[in-house]
Amino acid sequence: MSPVREFVRRSLWEMVPRDQRQTPAALRRRQLVTIGFVLVGAVVLGFTLRTDPGSQAFYLLTLVLAAVWTVGAFASGPLHLGRIARGEGLRRPVLSPILLGAILVGVFVVGALVIREIPFADPLVSQIRSVLRYTQETPIALLVVVTALNGIAEELFFRGAAYAAVTRHPVSVTSVAYTVATLATGNVMLGFAAVLLGLVVGLQRRASGGILAPILTHLTWSLSMLFLLPLIFLS
C-alpha cells in the first residue's frame, strides 16, 4: 500500500477498536443536553448576527457562543481524545491531523485563487473582501484567540457531544448541522468551507473515536486561512 493511501486509511477510514458504549439512559441524557444547547446556541447566534462584524459586541458574542458549545459538550457526557493505528499499536493522533489540515489549506488556497479570477464569482469575492476588511481593523492577537477558541469549541460540541448523541449516520448529520450553523452567519465562503471541513473532521471522528484529530485539523485550517485569505483577496 502506498504511503498516501496508508495515510488516508489511518486518518479518515480505518476505525480503531474502542469501548465507548453508552447506556440507553446516558444516550438519552446526552441527546437532551445537546438539543438544549443547540437552542441556546441558536439564540446567541441570533444576537451575534444583529451586531456589526468586527465590533466589540460581535467578538464578545462570538466568545459567548464558543462558551456555550464548550459547556454543552462537557455537560453532555464523557468526551474521548481518540487514537489511530500505527504499526501494530494505537497512538494519539497529532501529526497526521495537522498534516491533513495543511492539505485542506492547500485545497482552499487553490480554490480561492481560482475564484478570485472568475468574473461571475465577483459577488462572492466582494463579500469575502468585505468580511476580511473587518479583520484588518482588529488586533491580530484577538483574531487568533477568537479563531482558536471557536475552532476548539465547535469540534468539542459537533464532533464531541452531537456526534455521540446521533445513533445513525453521525458523520452526515453532524456535517449538515455544522454547515447550517455556519451558513447562519451569512458568510457564504465559510458555508462552502464548512461542507468539506465538516466531512473531513467527521470522518476523523469516526476513525479515531475521539475529538483530538478533528480539533487539530480544524485549528490548522482555520488559523492558516486567517492569515492567507487577506493575502489572496486584499493584496
C-alpha atoms as a PDB file:
ATOM      1  CA  MET A   1       0.000   0.000   0.000  1.00  0.00           C
ATOM      2  CA  SER A   2       1.335   3.449  -0.951  1.00  0.00           C
ATOM      3  CA  PRO A   3       2.153   5.949   1.822  1.00  0.00           C
ATOM      4  CA  VAL A   4      -0.655   8.250   0.650  1.00  0.00           C
ATOM      5  CA  ARG A   5      -3.276   5.503   0.739  1.00  0.00           C
ATOM      6  CA  GLU A   6      -1.993   4.366   4.122  1.00  0.00           C
ATOM      7  CA  PHE A   7      -2.220   7.926   5.446  1.00  0.00           C
ATOM      8  CA  VAL A   8      -5.796   8.339   4.196  1.00  0.00           C
ATOM      9  CA  ARG A   9      -6.812   4.942   5.532  1.00  0.00           C
ATOM     10  CA  ARG A  10      -5.469   5.590   9.020  1.00  0.00           C
ATOM     11  CA  SER A  11      -6.656   9.190   9.228  1.00  0.00           C
ATOM     12  CA  LEU A  12     -10.119   9.007   7.702  1.00  0.00           C
ATOM     13  CA  TRP A  13     -11.306   5.487   7.182  1.00  0.00           C
ATOM     14  CA  GLU A  14      -9.993   2.708   9.409  1.00  0.00           C
ATOM     15  CA  MET A  15     -11.951   2.619  12.661  1.00  0.00           C
ATOM     16  CA  VAL A  16      -9.736   1.674  15.590  1.00  0.00           C
ATOM     17  CA  PRO A  17     -11.061  -0.582  18.389  1.00  0.00           C
ATOM     18  CA  ARG A  18     -12.812   1.313  21.179  1.00  0.00           C
ATOM     19  CA  ASP A  19     -15.044   0.807  24.172  1.00  0.00           C
ATOM     20  CA  GLN A  20     -17.259   3.866  24.365  1.00  0.00           C
ATOM     21  CA  ARG A  21     -20.681   2.302  24.745  1.00  0.00           C
ATOM     22  CA  GLN A  22     -23.407   4.407  26.331  1.00  0.00           C
ATOM     23  CA  THR A  23     -26.315   3.079  28.317  1.00  0.00           C
ATOM     24  CA  PRO A  24     -29.759   3.993  26.942  1.00  0.00           C
ATOM     25  CA  ALA A  25     -30.196   6.422  29.834  1.00  0.00           C
ATOM     26  CA  ALA A  26     -26.827   8.096  29.207  1.00  0.00           C
ATOM     27  CA  LEU A  27     -27.558   8.360  25.480  1.00  0.00           C
ATOM     28  CA  ARG A  28     -30.964   9.905  26.136  1.00  0.00           C
ATOM     29  CA  ARG A  29     -29.443  12.390  28.569  1.00  0.00           C
ATOM     30  CA  ARG A  30     -26.748  13.330  26.048  1.00  0.00           C
ATOM     31  CA  GLN A  31     -29.362  13.842  23.345  1.00  0.00           C
ATOM     32  CA  LEU A  32     -31.483  16.103  25.563  1.00  0.00           C
ATOM     33  CA  VAL A  33     -28.484  18.150  26.696  1.00  0.00           C
ATOM     34  CA  THR A  34     -27.256  18.504  23.116  1.00  0.00           C
ATOM     35  CA  ILE A  35     -30.646  19.670  21.871  1.00  0.00           C
ATOM     36  CA  GLY A  36     -30.894  22.138  24.746  1.00  0.00           C
ATOM     37  CA  PHE A  37     -27.525  23.691  23.990  1.00  0.00           C
ATOM     38  CA  VAL A  38     -28.294  23.816  20.275  1.00  0.00           C
ATOM     39  CA  LEU A  39     -31.277  26.007  21.141  1.00  0.00           C
ATOM     40  CA  VAL A  40     -29.166  28.194  23.431  1.00  0.00           C
ATOM     41  CA  GLY A  41     -26.506  28.459  20.750  1.00  0.00           C
ATOM     42  CA  ALA A  42     -29.126  29.469  18.188  1.00  0.00           C
ATOM     43  CA  VAL A  43     -30.267  32.315  20.442  1.00  0.00           C
ATOM     44  CA  VAL A  44     -26.695  33.562  20.968  1.00  0.00           C
ATOM     45  CA  LEU A  45     -26.040  33.269  17.229  1.00  0.00           C
ATOM     46  CA  GLY A  46     -29.169  35.319  16.562  1.00  0.00           C
ATOM     47  CA  PHE A  47     -27.862  38.142  18.752  1.00  0.00           C
ATOM     48  CA  THR A  48     -24.438  37.850  17.118  1.00  0.00           C
ATOM     49  CA  LEU A  49     -25.921  38.353  13.655  1.00  0.00           C
ATOM     50  CA  ARG A  50     -27.510  41.620  14.798  1.00  0.00           C
ATOM     51  CA  THR A  51     -24.150  43.151  15.638  1.00  0.00           C
ATOM     52  CA  ASP A  52     -21.672  44.740  13.257  1.00  0.00           C
ATOM     53  CA  PRO A  53     -18.867  42.344  12.226  1.00  0.00           C
ATOM     54  CA  GLY A  54     -15.635  43.484  13.797  1.00  0.00           C
ATOM     55  CA  SER A  55     -17.318  45.348  16.640  1.00  0.00           C
ATOM     56  CA  GLN A  56     -16.566  44.654  20.299  1.00  0.00           C
ATOM     57  CA  ALA A  57     -20.070  43.234  20.756  1.00  0.00           C
ATOM     58  CA  PHE A  58     -19.524  40.889  17.820  1.00  0.00           C
ATOM     59  CA  TYR A  59     -16.354  39.388  19.246  1.00  0.00           C
ATOM     60  CA  LEU A  60     -17.832  39.216  22.735  1.00  0.00           C
ATOM     61  CA  LEU A  61     -20.873  37.293  21.495  1.00  0.00           C
ATOM     62  CA  THR A  62     -18.617  35.065  19.403  1.00  0.00           C
ATOM     63  CA  LEU A  63     -16.739  34.126  22.574  1.00  0.00           C
ATOM     64  CA  VAL A  64     -20.033  33.591  24.391  1.00  0.00           C
ATOM     65  CA  LEU A  65     -21.109  31.219  21.620  1.00  0.00           C
ATOM     66  CA  ALA A  66     -17.827  29.332  21.972  1.00  0.00           C
ATOM     67  CA  ALA A  67     -18.500  29.048  25.699  1.00  0.00           C
ATOM     68  CA  VAL A  68     -21.981  27.675  25.001  1.00  0.00           C
ATOM     69  CA  TRP A  69     -20.603  24.971  22.695  1.00  0.00           C
ATOM     70  CA  THR A  70     -17.872  24.077  25.189  1.00  0.00           C
ATOM     71  CA  VAL A  71     -20.151  23.861  28.237  1.00  0.00           C
ATOM     72  CA  GLY A  72     -22.695  21.901  26.225  1.00  0.00           C
ATOM     73  CA  ALA A  73     -20.065  19.428  25.085  1.00  0.00           C
ATOM     74  CA  PHE A  74     -18.791  18.640  28.578  1.00  0.00           C
ATOM     75  CA  ALA A  75     -22.272  18.692  30.117  1.00  0.00           C
ATOM     76  CA  SER A  76     -23.494  16.088  27.630  1.00  0.00           C
ATOM     77  CA  GLY A  77     -21.249  13.337  28.943  1.00  0.00           C
ATOM     78  CA  PRO A  78     -17.741  11.895  28.614  1.00  0.00           C
ATOM     79  CA  LEU A  79     -15.584  13.026  25.686  1.00  0.00           C
ATOM     80  CA  HIS A  80     -12.709  10.982  24.293  1.00  0.00           C
ATOM     81  CA  LEU A  81      -9.453  12.090  22.659  1.00  0.00           C
ATOM     82  CA  GLY A  82      -9.304   9.090  20.347  1.00  0.00           C
ATOM     83  CA  ARG A  83      -6.477   7.078  18.811  1.00  0.00           C
ATOM     84  CA  ILE A  84      -5.348   5.974  15.362  1.00  0.00           C
ATOM     85  CA  ALA A  85      -3.497   2.878  14.217  1.00  0.00           C
ATOM     86  CA  ARG A  86       0.287   2.922  13.995  1.00  0.00           C
ATOM     87  CA  GLY A  87       2.026  -0.299  13.140  1.00  0.00           C
ATOM     88  CA  GLU A  88       0.678  -2.938  15.480  1.00  0.00           C
ATOM     89  CA  GLY A  89      -0.457  -0.447  18.117  1.00  0.00           C
ATOM     90  CA  LEU A  90      -2.521   2.694  18.660  1.00  0.00           C
ATOM     91  CA  ARG A  91      -1.447   6.249  19.377  1.00  0.00           C
ATOM     92  CA  ARG A  92      -2.909   9.697  19.882  1.00  0.00           C
ATOM     93  CA  PRO A  93      -3.418  11.463  16.536  1.00  0.00           C
ATOM     94  CA  VAL A  94      -1.204  14.564  16.437  1.00  0.00           C
ATOM     95  CA  LEU A  95       0.988  14.883  13.352  1.00  0.00           C
ATOM     96  CA  SER A  96      -1.429  13.277  10.888  1.00  0.00           C
ATOM     97  CA  PRO A  97      -4.373  15.633  11.622  1.00  0.00           C
ATOM     98  CA  ILE A  98      -2.052  18.649  11.375  1.00  0.00           C
ATOM     99  CA  LEU A  99      -0.810  17.376   8.018  1.00  0.00           C
ATOM    100  CA  LEU A 100      -4.392  16.781   6.898  1.00  0.00           C
ATOM    101  CA  GLY A 101      -5.253  20.329   7.936  1.00  0.00           C
ATOM    102  CA  ALA A 102      -2.333  21.615   5.881  1.00  0.00           C
ATOM    103  CA  ILE A 103      -3.608  19.680   2.863  1.00  0.00           C
ATOM    104  CA  LEU A 104      -7.025  21.291   3.312  1.00  0.00           C
ATOM    105  CA  VAL A 105      -5.354  24.687   3.467  1.00  0.00           C
ATOM    106  CA  GLY A 106      -3.715  23.967   0.124  1.00  0.00           C
ATOM    107  CA  VAL A 107      -7.034  22.952  -1.408  1.00  0.00           C
ATOM    108  CA  PHE A 108      -8.758  26.104  -0.176  1.00  0.00           C
ATOM    109  CA  VAL A 109      -5.908  28.373  -1.256  1.00  0.00           C
ATOM    110  CA  VAL A 110      -6.068  26.968  -4.779  1.00  0.00           C
ATOM    111  CA  GLY A 111      -9.849  27.356  -4.745  1.00  0.00           C
ATOM    112  CA  ALA A 112      -9.597  30.947  -3.516  1.00  0.00           C
ATOM    113  CA  LEU A 113      -7.085  31.820  -6.237  1.00  0.00           C
ATOM    114  CA  VAL A 114      -9.390  30.359  -8.879  1.00  0.00           C
ATOM    115  CA  ILE A 115     -12.479  32.150  -7.519  1.00  0.00           C
ATOM    116  CA  ARG A 116     -10.607  35.439  -7.470  1.00  0.00           C
ATOM    117  CA  GLU A 117     -10.026  35.198 -11.227  1.00  0.00           C
ATOM    118  CA  ILE A 118     -13.543  34.110 -12.284  1.00  0.00           C
ATOM    119  CA  PRO A 119     -15.705  37.067 -13.406  1.00  0.00           C
ATOM    120  CA  PHE A 120     -19.090  35.581 -12.398  1.00  0.00           C
ATOM    121  CA  ALA A 121     -17.765  34.993  -8.873  1.00  0.00           C
ATOM    122  CA  ASP A 122     -17.339  38.747  -8.288  1.00  0.00           C
ATOM    123  CA  PRO A 123     -20.315  38.973  -5.830  1.00  0.00           C
ATOM    124  CA  LEU A 124     -18.781  36.205  -3.721  1.00  0.00           C
ATOM    125  CA  VAL A 125     -15.343  37.800  -3.869  1.00  0.00           C
ATOM    126  CA  SER A 126     -16.846  41.144  -2.817  1.00  0.00           C
ATOM    127  CA  GLN A 127     -18.473  39.508   0.199  1.00  0.00           C
ATOM    128  CA  ILE A 128     -15.222  37.835   1.174  1.00  0.00           C
ATOM    129  CA  ARG A 129     -13.342  41.110   0.905  1.00  0.00           C
ATOM    130  CA  SER A 130     -15.942  42.968   2.960  1.00  0.00           C
ATOM    131  CA  VAL A 131     -15.611  40.416   5.762  1.00  0.00           C
ATOM    132  CA  LEU A 132     -11.815  40.427   5.591  1.00  0.00           C
ATOM    133  CA  ARG A 133     -11.681  44.233   5.827  1.00  0.00           C
ATOM    134  CA  TYR A 134     -13.289  43.994   9.248  1.00  0.00           C
ATOM    135  CA  THR A 135     -10.493  41.693  10.357  1.00  0.00           C
ATOM    136  CA  GLN A 136      -7.901  44.252   9.229  1.00  0.00           C
ATOM    137  CA  GLU A 137      -9.262  46.626  11.878  1.00  0.00           C
ATOM    138  CA  THR A 138      -8.940  44.059  14.680  1.00  0.00           C
ATOM    139  CA  PRO A 139      -5.738  43.267  16.591  1.00  0.00           C
ATOM    140  CA  ILE A 140      -4.266  40.079  15.202  1.00  0.00           C
ATOM    141  CA  ALA A 141      -3.810  38.605  18.683  1.00  0.00           C
ATOM    142  CA  LEU A 142      -7.551  38.919  19.321  1.00  0.00           C
ATOM    143  CA  LEU A 143      -8.340  37.331  15.959  1.00  0.00           C
ATOM    144  CA  VAL A 144      -6.045  34.394  16.701  1.00  0.00           C
ATOM    145  CA  VAL A 145      -7.578  33.836  20.144  1.00  0.00           C
ATOM    146  CA  VAL A 146     -11.168  34.083  18.876  1.00  0.00           C
ATOM    147  CA  THR A 147     -10.458  31.832  15.895  1.00  0.00           C
ATOM    148  CA  ALA A 148      -8.706  29.200  18.000  1.00  0.00           C
ATOM    149  CA  LEU A 149     -11.284  29.162  20.780  1.00  0.00           C
ATOM    150  CA  ASN A 150     -14.160  28.890  18.329  1.00  0.00           C
ATOM    151  CA  GLY A 151     -12.473  26.103  16.394  1.00  0.00           C
ATOM    152  CA  ILE A 152     -11.925  24.086  19.571  1.00  0.00           C
ATOM    153  CA  ALA A 153     -15.438  24.779  20.861  1.00  0.00           C
ATOM    154  CA  GLU A 154     -17.102  23.795  17.589  1.00  0.00           C
ATOM    155  CA  GLU A 155     -15.264  20.481  17.487  1.00  0.00           C
ATOM    156  CA  LEU A 156     -15.977  19.757  21.158  1.00  0.00           C
ATOM    157  CA  PHE A 157     -19.676  20.213  20.501  1.00  0.00           C
ATOM    158  CA  PHE A 158     -20.292  18.993  16.949  1.00  0.00           C
ATOM    159  CA  ARG A 159     -17.761  16.126  16.868  1.00  0.00           C
ATOM    160  CA  GLY A 160     -17.967  15.523  20.610  1.00  0.00           C
ATOM    161  CA  ALA A 161     -21.433  15.893  22.074  1.00  0.00           C
ATOM    162  CA  ALA A 162     -23.526  15.968  18.888  1.00  0.00           C
ATOM    163  CA  TYR A 163     -21.652  13.108  17.214  1.00  0.00           C
ATOM    164  CA  ALA A 164     -22.083  10.880  20.267  1.00  0.00           C
ATOM    165  CA  ALA A 165     -25.777  11.827  20.502  1.00  0.00           C
ATOM    166  CA  VAL A 166     -26.568  10.675  16.948  1.00  0.00           C
ATOM    167  CA  THR A 167     -27.243   6.961  16.588  1.00  0.00           C
ATOM    168  CA  ARG A 168     -27.390   6.756  12.771  1.00  0.00           C
ATOM    169  CA  HIS A 169     -25.173   8.392  10.146  1.00  0.00           C
ATOM    170  CA  PRO A 170     -23.401  10.681  12.649  1.00  0.00           C
ATOM    171  CA  VAL A 171     -20.832  11.910  10.100  1.00  0.00           C
ATOM    172  CA  SER A 172     -23.542  13.142   7.720  1.00  0.00           C
ATOM    173  CA  VAL A 173     -25.817  14.520  10.445  1.00  0.00           C
ATOM    174  CA  THR A 174     -23.120  16.475  12.265  1.00  0.00           C
ATOM    175  CA  SER A 175     -21.633  17.735   8.998  1.00  0.00           C
ATOM    176  CA  VAL A 176     -25.027  19.107   7.921  1.00  0.00           C
ATOM    177  CA  ALA A 177     -25.654  20.619  11.364  1.00  0.00           C
ATOM    178  CA  TYR A 178     -22.253  22.307  11.352  1.00  0.00           C
ATOM    179  CA  THR A 179     -22.806  23.645   7.830  1.00  0.00           C
ATOM    180  CA  VAL A 180     -26.229  25.052   8.741  1.00  0.00           C
ATOM    181  CA  ALA A 181     -24.795  26.752  11.836  1.00  0.00           C
ATOM    182  CA  THR A 182     -22.013  28.252   9.702  1.00  0.00           C
ATOM    183  CA  LEU A 183     -24.350  29.393   6.914  1.00  0.00           C
ATOM    184  CA  ALA A 184     -26.458  31.168   9.515  1.00  0.00           C
ATOM    185  CA  THR A 185     -23.628  33.685   9.860  1.00  0.00           C
ATOM    186  CA  GLY A 186     -24.392  34.857   6.324  1.00  0.00           C
ATOM    187  CA  ASN A 187     -20.832  34.208   5.162  1.00  0.00           C
ATOM    188  CA  VAL A 188     -21.210  32.100   2.017  1.00  0.00           C
ATOM    189  CA  MET A 189     -17.483  31.371   1.790  1.00  0.00           C
ATOM    190  CA  LEU A 190     -17.466  29.929   5.301  1.00  0.00           C
ATOM    191  CA  GLY A 191     -20.552  27.914   4.407  1.00  0.00           C
ATOM    192  CA  PHE A 192     -18.764  26.335   1.449  1.00  0.00           C
ATOM    193  CA  ALA A 193     -15.759  25.639   3.636  1.00  0.00           C
ATOM    194  CA  ALA A 194     -17.931  24.050   6.327  1.00  0.00           C
ATOM    195  CA  VAL A 195     -19.162  21.394   3.913  1.00  0.00           C
ATOM    196  CA  LEU A 196     -15.698  19.994   3.182  1.00  0.00           C
ATOM    197  CA  LEU A 197     -14.225  20.683   6.617  1.00  0.00           C
ATOM    198  CA  GLY A 198     -17.229  19.141   8.363  1.00  0.00           C
ATOM    199  CA  LEU A 199     -16.990  15.979   6.281  1.00  0.00           C
ATOM    200  CA  VAL A 200     -13.242  15.580   6.864  1.00  0.00           C
ATOM    201  CA  VAL A 201     -13.349  16.090  10.632  1.00  0.00           C
ATOM    202  CA  GLY A 202     -16.446  13.900  10.829  1.00  0.00           C
ATOM    203  CA  LEU A 203     -14.562  11.054   9.176  1.00  0.00           C
ATOM    204  CA  GLN A 204     -11.642  11.678  11.546  1.00  0.00           C
ATOM    205  CA  ARG A 205     -14.028  11.419  14.492  1.00  0.00           C
ATOM    206  CA  ARG A 206     -15.424   8.143  13.195  1.00  0.00           C
ATOM    207  CA  ALA A 207     -11.981   6.671  12.511  1.00  0.00           C
ATOM    208  CA  SER A 208     -10.253   7.725  15.738  1.00  0.00           C
ATOM    209  CA  GLY A 209     -13.201   7.608  18.111  1.00  0.00           C
ATOM    210  CA  GLY A 210     -12.313  10.982  19.595  1.00  0.00           C
ATOM    211  CA  ILE A 211     -12.094  14.756  19.238  1.00  0.00           C
ATOM    212  CA  LEU A 212      -8.329  15.341  19.222  1.00  0.00           C
ATOM    213  CA  ALA A 213      -7.832  14.777  15.478  1.00  0.00           C
ATOM    214  CA  PRO A 214     -10.804  16.982  14.458  1.00  0.00           C
ATOM    215  CA  ILE A 215      -9.616  19.782  16.763  1.00  0.00           C
ATOM    216  CA  LEU A 216      -6.050  19.767  15.415  1.00  0.00           C
ATOM    217  CA  THR A 217      -7.201  19.682  11.778  1.00  0.00           C
ATOM    218  CA  HIS A 218      -9.727  22.463  12.389  1.00  0.00           C
ATOM    219  CA  LEU A 219      -7.145  24.656  14.132  1.00  0.00           C
ATOM    220  CA  THR A 220      -4.534  24.100  11.431  1.00  0.00           C
ATOM    221  CA  TRP A 221      -7.023  25.032   8.728  1.00  0.00           C
ATOM    222  CA  SER A 222      -8.720  27.993  10.428  1.00  0.00           C
ATOM    223  CA  LEU A 223      -5.572  29.691  11.749  1.00  0.00           C
ATOM    224  CA  SER A 224      -3.796  29.279   8.404  1.00  0.00           C
ATOM    225  CA  MET A 225      -6.733  30.729   6.460  1.00  0.00           C
ATOM    226  CA  LEU A 226      -6.886  33.637   8.895  1.00  0.00           C
ATOM    227  CA  PHE A 227      -3.502  34.777   7.601  1.00  0.00           C
ATOM    228  CA  LEU A 228      -3.699  33.568   3.994  1.00  0.00           C
ATOM    229  CA  LEU A 229      -7.098  34.836   2.852  1.00  0.00           C
ATOM    230  CA  PRO A 230      -6.198  38.522   3.317  1.00  0.00           C
ATOM    231  CA  LEU A 231      -3.071  37.974   1.211  1.00  0.00           C
ATOM    232  CA  ILE A 232      -5.194  36.472  -1.565  1.00  0.00           C
ATOM    233  CA  PHE A 233      -8.150  38.850  -1.597  1.00  0.00           C
ATOM    234  CA  LEU A 234      -6.802  42.119  -0.168  1.00  0.00           C
ATOM    235  CA  SER A 235      -3.330  42.303  -1.690  1.00  0.00           C
END
